[in-house]
Amino acid sequence: MYVPYLLVFVGVSEYWIVVDSSSKSCSSIAVALLSLIFYRHLHFVVVVSLSLLDSSTLVLWFSVYQNAVWSTGNSR
């Protein structure tokens, strides 16, 4: 089964690096908006090599970011 994108999340305390290994980089606006939305909850978010996002990818991003915000919020 071919996965068109692969997101790797590395979290140290509240430092999150988001890496997308996909070679497609057609739309980064959605991820940029998500980063801005959750920037106030995380110290900062580094987004590298953004790929084309479809609805399932957006759902994945929302899910992971919600978990990240929830985790970092409880670790304080």
C-alpha atoms as a PDB file:
ATOM      1  CA  MET A   1       0.000   0.000   0.000  1.00  0.00           C
ATOM      2  CA  TYR A   2       1.454   3.318  -1.095  1.00  0.00           C
ATOM      3  CA  VAL A   3       1.206   6.199   1.331  1.00  0.00           C
ATOM      4  CA  PRO A   4       1.515   9.548  -0.490  1.00  0.00           C
ATOM      5  CA  TYR A   5       2.753  11.346   2.593  1.00  0.00           C
ATOM      6  CA  LEU A   6       4.560  10.549   5.785  1.00  0.00           C
ATOM      7  CA  LEU A   7       4.461  12.836   8.791  1.00  0.00           C
ATOM      8  CA  VAL A   8       7.118  12.466  11.432  1.00  0.00           C
ATOM      9  CA  PHE A   9       6.569  14.179  14.743  1.00  0.00           C
ATOM     10  CA  VAL A  10       9.345  14.607  17.278  1.00  0.00           C
ATOM     11  CA  GLY A  11       8.287  16.094  20.586  1.00  0.00           C
ATOM     12  CA  VAL A  12      10.636  17.200  23.336  1.00  0.00           C
ATOM     13  CA  SER A  13       8.730  18.963  26.097  1.00  0.00           C
ATOM     14  CA  GLU A  14       6.842  21.595  24.071  1.00  0.00           C
ATOM     15  CA  TYR A  15       9.224  21.624  21.112  1.00  0.00           C
ATOM     16  CA  TRP A  16       7.620  19.999  18.084  1.00  0.00           C
ATOM     17  CA  ILE A  17       9.181  19.410  14.683  1.00  0.00           C
ATOM     18  CA  VAL A  18       6.846  18.489  11.845  1.00  0.00           C
ATOM     19  CA  VAL A  19       8.456  16.876   8.810  1.00  0.00           C
ATOM     20  CA  ASP A  20       6.589  15.810   5.692  1.00  0.00           C
ATOM     21  CA  SER A  21       8.592  13.418   3.530  1.00  0.00           C
ATOM     22  CA  SER A  22       6.312  13.692   0.509  1.00  0.00           C
ATOM     23  CA  SER A  23       7.864  15.129  -2.637  1.00  0.00           C
ATOM     24  CA  LYS A  24       4.684  17.007  -3.495  1.00  0.00           C
ATOM     25  CA  SER A  25       4.512  20.565  -2.230  1.00  0.00           C
ATOM     26  CA  CYS A  26       1.421  22.023  -3.865  1.00  0.00           C
ATOM     27  CA  SER A  27      -0.332  23.580  -0.885  1.00  0.00           C
ATOM     28  CA  SER A  28       1.216  24.880   2.311  1.00  0.00           C
ATOM     29  CA  ILE A  29      -1.449  27.434   3.242  1.00  0.00           C
ATOM     30  CA  ALA A  30      -3.563  24.967   5.205  1.00  0.00           C
ATOM     31  CA  VAL A  31      -0.645  23.771   7.318  1.00  0.00           C
ATOM     32  CA  ALA A  32       0.540  27.333   7.811  1.00  0.00           C
ATOM     33  CA  LEU A  33      -2.908  28.250   9.129  1.00  0.00           C
ATOM     34  CA  LEU A  34      -2.920  25.226  11.431  1.00  0.00           C
ATOM     35  CA  SER A  35       0.506  26.228  12.710  1.00  0.00           C
ATOM     36  CA  LEU A  36      -0.754  29.735  13.453  1.00  0.00           C
ATOM     37  CA  ILE A  37      -3.867  28.375  15.152  1.00  0.00           C
ATOM     38  CA  PHE A  38      -1.871  26.178  17.511  1.00  0.00           C
ATOM     39  CA  TYR A  39       1.176  28.461  17.837  1.00  0.00           C
ATOM     40  CA  ARG A  40      -0.290  30.012  20.964  1.00  0.00           C
ATOM     41  CA  HIS A  41      -0.523  26.574  22.593  1.00  0.00           C
ATOM     42  CA  LEU A  42       2.959  25.381  21.628  1.00  0.00           C
ATOM     43  CA  HIS A  43       6.197  27.297  21.963  1.00  0.00           C
ATOM     44  CA  PHE A  44       6.736  26.996  18.253  1.00  0.00           C
ATOM     45  CA  VAL A  45       6.155  24.671  15.337  1.00  0.00           C
ATOM     46  CA  VAL A  46       8.670  23.989  12.598  1.00  0.00           C
ATOM     47  CA  VAL A  47       7.110  22.848   9.344  1.00  0.00           C
ATOM     48  CA  VAL A  48       9.373  21.472   6.625  1.00  0.00           C
ATOM     49  CA  SER A  49       8.621  20.295   3.077  1.00  0.00           C
ATOM     50  CA  LEU A  50       4.866  20.609   3.058  1.00  0.00           C
ATOM     51  CA  SER A  51       2.930  18.452   0.651  1.00  0.00           C
ATOM     52  CA  LEU A  52      -0.427  18.537  -1.091  1.00  0.00           C
ATOM     53  CA  LEU A  53      -3.135  18.215   1.526  1.00  0.00           C
ATOM     54  CA  ASP A  54      -6.395  16.382   1.080  1.00  0.00           C
ATOM     55  CA  SER A  55      -9.244  16.024   3.547  1.00  0.00           C
ATOM     56  CA  SER A  56      -7.754  12.951   5.229  1.00  0.00           C
ATOM     57  CA  THR A  57      -4.454  14.751   5.720  1.00  0.00           C
ATOM     58  CA  LEU A  58      -6.214  17.704   7.313  1.00  0.00           C
ATOM     59  CA  VAL A  59      -8.033  15.353   9.670  1.00  0.00           C
ATOM     60  CA  LEU A  60      -4.698  13.755  10.573  1.00  0.00           C
ATOM     61  CA  TRP A  61      -3.139  17.154  11.249  1.00  0.00           C
ATOM     62  CA  PHE A  62      -6.028  18.237  13.445  1.00  0.00           C
ATOM     63  CA  SER A  63      -5.912  14.954  15.342  1.00  0.00           C
ATOM     64  CA  VAL A  64      -2.162  15.080  15.969  1.00  0.00           C
ATOM     65  CA  TYR A  65      -2.173  18.737  16.925  1.00  0.00           C
ATOM     66  CA  GLN A  66      -5.085  18.275  19.302  1.00  0.00           C
ATOM     67  CA  ASN A  67      -3.193  15.422  20.958  1.00  0.00           C
ATOM     68  CA  ALA A  68      -0.052  17.552  21.105  1.00  0.00           C
ATOM     69  CA  VAL A  69      -1.854  20.484  22.707  1.00  0.00           C
ATOM     70  CA  TRP A  70      -3.590  18.162  25.153  1.00  0.00           C
ATOM     71  CA  SER A  71      -0.310  16.437  26.076  1.00  0.00           C
ATOM     72  CA  THR A  72       1.731  19.606  26.522  1.00  0.00           C
ATOM     73  CA  GLY A  73      -1.105  21.237  28.428  1.00  0.00           C
ATOM     74  CA  ASN A  74      -1.162  18.411  30.965  1.00  0.00           C
ATOM     75  CA  SER A  75       2.625  18.267  31.307  1.00  0.00           C
ATOM     76  CA  ARG A  76       2.851  21.775  32.720  1.00  0.00           C
END
